N, C-alpha and C. Protein backbone atom coordinates (compact mmCIF):
# COMPACT_ATOMS: atom_id res chain seq x y z
N MET A 1 8.44 -14.91 -6.52
CA MET A 1 8.22 -13.67 -5.87
C MET A 1 6.81 -13.23 -6.12
N GLU A 2 6.31 -12.94 -7.50
CA GLU A 2 5.28 -12.46 -7.93
C GLU A 2 4.34 -13.46 -7.44
N THR A 3 4.27 -14.82 -7.48
CA THR A 3 2.98 -15.73 -7.13
C THR A 3 3.03 -15.26 -5.55
N GLU A 4 3.97 -15.20 -4.77
CA GLU A 4 3.67 -15.19 -3.18
C GLU A 4 2.96 -13.51 -3.11
N ILE A 5 3.34 -12.63 -3.80
CA ILE A 5 2.76 -11.39 -3.45
C ILE A 5 1.43 -11.48 -4.11
N GLU A 6 1.06 -12.04 -5.12
CA GLU A 6 -0.45 -12.39 -5.65
C GLU A 6 -1.24 -13.16 -4.45
N GLN A 7 -0.53 -14.26 -4.01
CA GLN A 7 -1.20 -14.96 -2.99
C GLN A 7 -1.45 -14.05 -1.70
N ASN A 8 -0.54 -13.31 -1.18
CA ASN A 8 -0.59 -12.48 -0.14
C ASN A 8 -1.75 -11.18 -0.33
N VAL A 9 -1.83 -10.68 -1.65
CA VAL A 9 -2.94 -9.76 -2.03
C VAL A 9 -4.40 -10.63 -1.93
N GLN A 10 -4.44 -11.85 -2.56
CA GLN A 10 -5.65 -12.44 -2.28
C GLN A 10 -6.18 -13.00 -1.02
N ASP A 11 -5.25 -13.17 -0.16
CA ASP A 11 -5.28 -13.51 1.37
C ASP A 11 -5.92 -12.29 2.02
N PHE A 12 -5.14 -11.07 1.82
CA PHE A 12 -5.71 -9.77 2.23
C PHE A 12 -7.25 -9.48 2.02
N ILE A 13 -7.28 -9.63 0.70
CA ILE A 13 -8.70 -9.26 0.22
C ILE A 13 -9.97 -10.21 0.84
N LEU A 14 -9.54 -11.46 0.90
CA LEU A 14 -10.48 -12.42 1.58
C LEU A 14 -10.67 -12.07 2.97
N ALA A 15 -9.44 -11.98 3.64
CA ALA A 15 -9.70 -11.52 5.28
C ALA A 15 -10.36 -10.21 5.48
N LEU A 16 -10.08 -9.26 4.69
CA LEU A 16 -11.01 -8.05 4.81
C LEU A 16 -12.09 -7.94 4.39
N THR A 17 -12.75 -9.12 3.58
CA THR A 17 -14.09 -9.16 3.02
C THR A 17 -14.97 -9.81 4.44
N ALA A 18 -14.23 -10.59 4.98
CA ALA A 18 -14.74 -11.27 6.02
C ALA A 18 -15.08 -10.10 7.40
N ALA A 19 -14.14 -9.44 7.27
CA ALA A 19 -13.80 -8.43 8.55
C ALA A 19 -14.89 -7.26 8.37
N VAL A 20 -15.11 -6.53 7.21
CA VAL A 20 -15.75 -5.61 6.87
C VAL A 20 -17.41 -5.58 7.45
N GLN A 21 -17.76 -6.93 7.80
CA GLN A 21 -19.21 -6.72 8.08
C GLN A 21 -19.19 -6.23 9.70
N GLN A 22 -18.10 -6.00 10.50
CA GLN A 22 -18.04 -5.59 11.67
C GLN A 22 -17.50 -4.21 12.06
N LYS A 23 -16.64 -3.48 11.02
CA LYS A 23 -15.83 -2.46 11.27
C LYS A 23 -15.77 -1.79 9.98
N THR A 24 -15.11 -0.54 10.06
CA THR A 24 -14.88 0.32 9.13
C THR A 24 -13.16 0.30 8.91
N TYR A 25 -12.56 0.04 7.72
CA TYR A 25 -11.34 -0.02 7.37
C TYR A 25 -10.94 1.07 6.51
N ILE A 26 -9.61 1.50 6.63
CA ILE A 26 -8.91 2.41 5.58
C ILE A 26 -7.65 1.78 5.54
N VAL A 27 -7.59 1.22 4.11
CA VAL A 27 -6.47 0.73 3.55
C VAL A 27 -5.57 1.68 3.04
N CYS A 28 -4.30 1.75 3.36
CA CYS A 28 -3.04 2.71 2.84
C CYS A 28 -2.17 1.87 2.10
N VAL A 29 -2.04 2.06 0.91
CA VAL A 29 -1.14 1.10 0.26
C VAL A 29 0.19 2.18 0.15
N CYS A 30 1.25 1.94 0.77
CA CYS A 30 2.53 2.23 0.83
C CYS A 30 3.12 2.16 -0.68
N PRO A 31 4.16 3.09 -0.96
CA PRO A 31 4.94 2.86 -2.13
C PRO A 31 5.83 1.83 -2.33
N THR A 32 5.79 1.02 -3.28
CA THR A 32 6.57 -0.15 -3.46
C THR A 32 7.59 0.19 -4.81
N SER A 33 8.46 -1.00 -4.93
CA SER A 33 9.39 -0.73 -6.12
C SER A 33 8.58 -0.70 -7.36
N PRO A 34 9.04 -0.23 -8.34
CA PRO A 34 8.49 0.13 -9.80
C PRO A 34 7.93 -1.43 -10.38
N ASN A 35 8.55 -2.58 -9.79
CA ASN A 35 8.30 -3.80 -10.43
C ASN A 35 6.92 -4.40 -10.07
N HIS A 36 6.61 -3.89 -8.74
CA HIS A 36 5.50 -4.37 -8.06
C HIS A 36 4.07 -3.35 -7.99
N ARG A 37 4.32 -2.21 -8.64
CA ARG A 37 3.38 -1.01 -8.53
C ARG A 37 1.89 -1.35 -9.03
N HIS A 38 1.84 -2.46 -10.08
CA HIS A 38 0.74 -2.82 -10.81
C HIS A 38 -0.14 -3.41 -9.59
N TRP A 39 0.32 -3.92 -8.33
CA TRP A 39 -0.35 -4.46 -7.48
C TRP A 39 -1.12 -3.59 -6.66
N GLU A 40 -0.81 -2.21 -6.64
CA GLU A 40 -1.51 -1.21 -6.05
C GLU A 40 -2.91 -0.89 -6.56
N GLY A 41 -3.03 -1.00 -7.95
CA GLY A 41 -4.14 -0.91 -8.80
C GLY A 41 -5.07 -2.05 -8.70
N SER A 42 -4.49 -3.29 -8.77
CA SER A 42 -5.35 -4.47 -8.57
C SER A 42 -5.88 -4.72 -7.16
N LEU A 43 -5.16 -4.20 -6.17
CA LEU A 43 -5.64 -4.20 -5.05
C LEU A 43 -6.75 -3.29 -4.87
N ALA A 44 -6.71 -2.16 -5.13
CA ALA A 44 -7.52 -0.81 -4.99
C ALA A 44 -8.99 -1.39 -5.98
N SER A 45 -8.79 -1.98 -7.29
CA SER A 45 -10.23 -2.43 -7.91
C SER A 45 -10.81 -3.35 -7.20
N SER A 46 -10.01 -4.29 -6.50
CA SER A 46 -10.54 -5.35 -5.80
C SER A 46 -11.42 -5.05 -4.72
N LEU A 47 -11.12 -3.92 -3.87
CA LEU A 47 -11.59 -3.56 -2.78
C LEU A 47 -12.71 -2.32 -3.11
N LYS A 48 -12.63 -1.71 -4.26
CA LYS A 48 -13.53 -0.73 -4.53
C LYS A 48 -14.86 -0.66 -4.21
N GLY A 49 -15.41 -2.06 -4.42
CA GLY A 49 -16.84 -2.40 -4.22
C GLY A 49 -17.39 -2.55 -2.83
N MET A 50 -16.18 -2.75 -2.15
CA MET A 50 -16.73 -3.07 -0.37
C MET A 50 -16.91 -2.16 0.26
N GLU A 51 -18.27 -2.16 0.91
CA GLU A 51 -18.71 -1.22 1.84
C GLU A 51 -17.83 -0.95 3.30
N SER A 52 -17.59 0.03 3.65
CA SER A 52 -16.88 0.32 4.87
C SER A 52 -15.37 0.05 4.66
N VAL A 53 -14.85 -0.02 3.34
CA VAL A 53 -13.33 -0.07 3.23
C VAL A 53 -13.13 1.34 2.28
N TYR A 54 -12.10 1.89 2.70
CA TYR A 54 -11.74 3.15 2.14
C TYR A 54 -10.08 2.88 1.74
N VAL A 55 -9.90 3.18 0.56
CA VAL A 55 -8.65 2.80 0.06
C VAL A 55 -7.94 4.23 -0.32
N ILE A 56 -6.59 4.34 0.18
CA ILE A 56 -5.64 5.43 -0.08
C ILE A 56 -4.44 4.58 -0.93
N LYS A 57 -4.40 5.18 -2.00
CA LYS A 57 -3.49 4.55 -2.88
C LYS A 57 -2.30 5.54 -2.63
N ALA A 58 -1.00 4.62 -2.70
CA ALA A 58 0.34 5.50 -2.93
C ALA A 58 0.48 6.49 -3.79
N SER A 59 -0.30 6.24 -5.18
CA SER A 59 -0.13 7.23 -6.06
C SER A 59 -0.79 8.66 -5.88
N ASP A 60 -1.84 8.16 -5.16
CA ASP A 60 -2.89 9.58 -4.80
C ASP A 60 -2.10 10.31 -3.67
N VAL A 61 -1.35 9.73 -2.72
CA VAL A 61 -0.46 10.54 -1.76
C VAL A 61 0.63 11.38 -2.32
N ILE A 62 1.23 10.39 -3.14
CA ILE A 62 2.59 11.01 -3.94
C ILE A 62 1.95 12.29 -4.81
N THR A 63 0.85 12.06 -5.44
CA THR A 63 0.36 13.44 -6.20
C THR A 63 0.04 14.65 -5.23
N HIS A 64 -0.22 14.42 -4.02
CA HIS A 64 -0.78 15.56 -3.25
C HIS A 64 0.49 16.11 -2.28
N TYR A 65 1.49 15.12 -2.22
CA TYR A 65 2.72 15.40 -1.45
C TYR A 65 3.82 14.84 -1.97
N PRO A 66 4.26 15.60 -3.00
CA PRO A 66 5.47 15.08 -3.88
C PRO A 66 6.83 15.20 -3.01
N VAL A 67 7.58 14.31 -3.14
CA VAL A 67 8.84 14.23 -2.64
C VAL A 67 9.77 14.00 -3.81
N SER A 68 11.01 14.55 -3.75
CA SER A 68 11.94 14.25 -4.84
C SER A 68 12.38 12.61 -5.23
N ARG A 69 12.46 11.95 -3.84
CA ARG A 69 13.15 10.63 -3.81
C ARG A 69 12.36 9.90 -2.71
N ILE A 70 11.47 8.73 -3.15
CA ILE A 70 10.74 7.86 -2.06
C ILE A 70 11.61 6.76 -1.38
N GLU A 71 12.27 6.35 -2.28
CA GLU A 71 13.07 5.11 -1.85
C GLU A 71 14.55 5.24 -1.35
N ASP A 72 14.84 4.61 -0.48
CA ASP A 72 16.10 4.76 0.27
C ASP A 72 16.92 3.43 0.52
N PRO A 73 17.55 2.92 -0.60
CA PRO A 73 18.06 1.54 -0.48
C PRO A 73 19.07 1.39 0.80
N HIS A 74 19.67 2.36 1.10
CA HIS A 74 20.40 2.12 2.49
C HIS A 74 19.53 2.02 3.85
N ALA A 75 18.51 2.56 3.94
CA ALA A 75 17.76 2.65 5.05
C ALA A 75 17.10 1.29 5.05
N GLU A 76 16.72 0.99 3.94
CA GLU A 76 15.81 -0.51 3.55
C GLU A 76 17.06 -1.44 3.92
N GLU A 77 17.93 -1.71 3.42
CA GLU A 77 19.07 -2.56 4.00
C GLU A 77 19.30 -2.76 5.41
N THR A 78 19.72 -1.42 6.20
CA THR A 78 19.96 -1.60 7.42
C THR A 78 18.84 -1.57 8.47
N GLY A 79 17.58 -0.90 8.19
CA GLY A 79 16.59 -1.01 9.16
C GLY A 79 15.27 -1.65 8.68
N HIS A 80 15.12 -2.01 7.49
CA HIS A 80 14.09 -2.44 6.73
C HIS A 80 13.00 -1.37 6.73
N ILE A 81 13.41 -0.20 6.49
CA ILE A 81 12.57 1.23 6.26
C ILE A 81 13.01 1.53 4.76
N PRO A 82 12.07 1.27 4.03
CA PRO A 82 12.35 1.43 2.46
C PRO A 82 12.24 3.07 2.18
N TYR A 83 11.99 3.75 3.06
CA TYR A 83 11.54 5.33 2.37
C TYR A 83 12.47 6.47 3.13
N THR A 84 12.72 7.52 2.21
CA THR A 84 13.55 8.50 2.58
C THR A 84 12.98 9.31 3.68
N SER A 85 13.65 10.09 4.73
CA SER A 85 13.12 10.90 5.91
C SER A 85 12.13 11.63 5.46
N PRO A 86 12.19 12.36 4.41
CA PRO A 86 11.06 13.46 4.06
C PRO A 86 9.86 12.76 3.42
N SER A 87 9.85 11.77 2.97
CA SER A 87 8.70 10.78 2.64
C SER A 87 7.85 9.98 3.51
N LEU A 88 8.66 9.54 4.54
CA LEU A 88 8.40 8.55 5.88
C LEU A 88 6.76 9.27 6.46
N PRO A 89 7.01 10.69 6.93
CA PRO A 89 5.74 11.03 7.64
C PRO A 89 4.38 10.87 6.96
N ARG A 90 4.67 10.83 5.49
CA ARG A 90 3.36 10.94 4.78
C ARG A 90 2.68 9.55 4.68
N TRP A 91 3.57 8.40 4.85
CA TRP A 91 2.99 7.02 5.17
C TRP A 91 2.68 6.51 6.51
N VAL A 92 3.13 7.40 7.43
CA VAL A 92 2.86 7.11 9.02
C VAL A 92 1.88 8.22 9.30
N LEU A 93 0.60 7.80 9.11
CA LEU A 93 -0.43 8.64 9.38
C LEU A 93 -0.99 8.37 10.76
């Protein structure tokens, strides 16, 4: 799974690199499981130098809008929505 995530991150960076020549992009990184949180920093670092790309990291949003629990295993299992109701509006901007 790590290899697949790494490939997806690299594909996203390549696609965004080509696209930024035409538009401005805001990349919002939603919270993920603790096992994959290192990808947030890796992605943000890779995009940092790109013109017309603004990154909003999950950790930044959580700092400004704290909730007691972000993950909801039941909602993830039943509807593939991994967030609790109080935290969801913060990610749907």
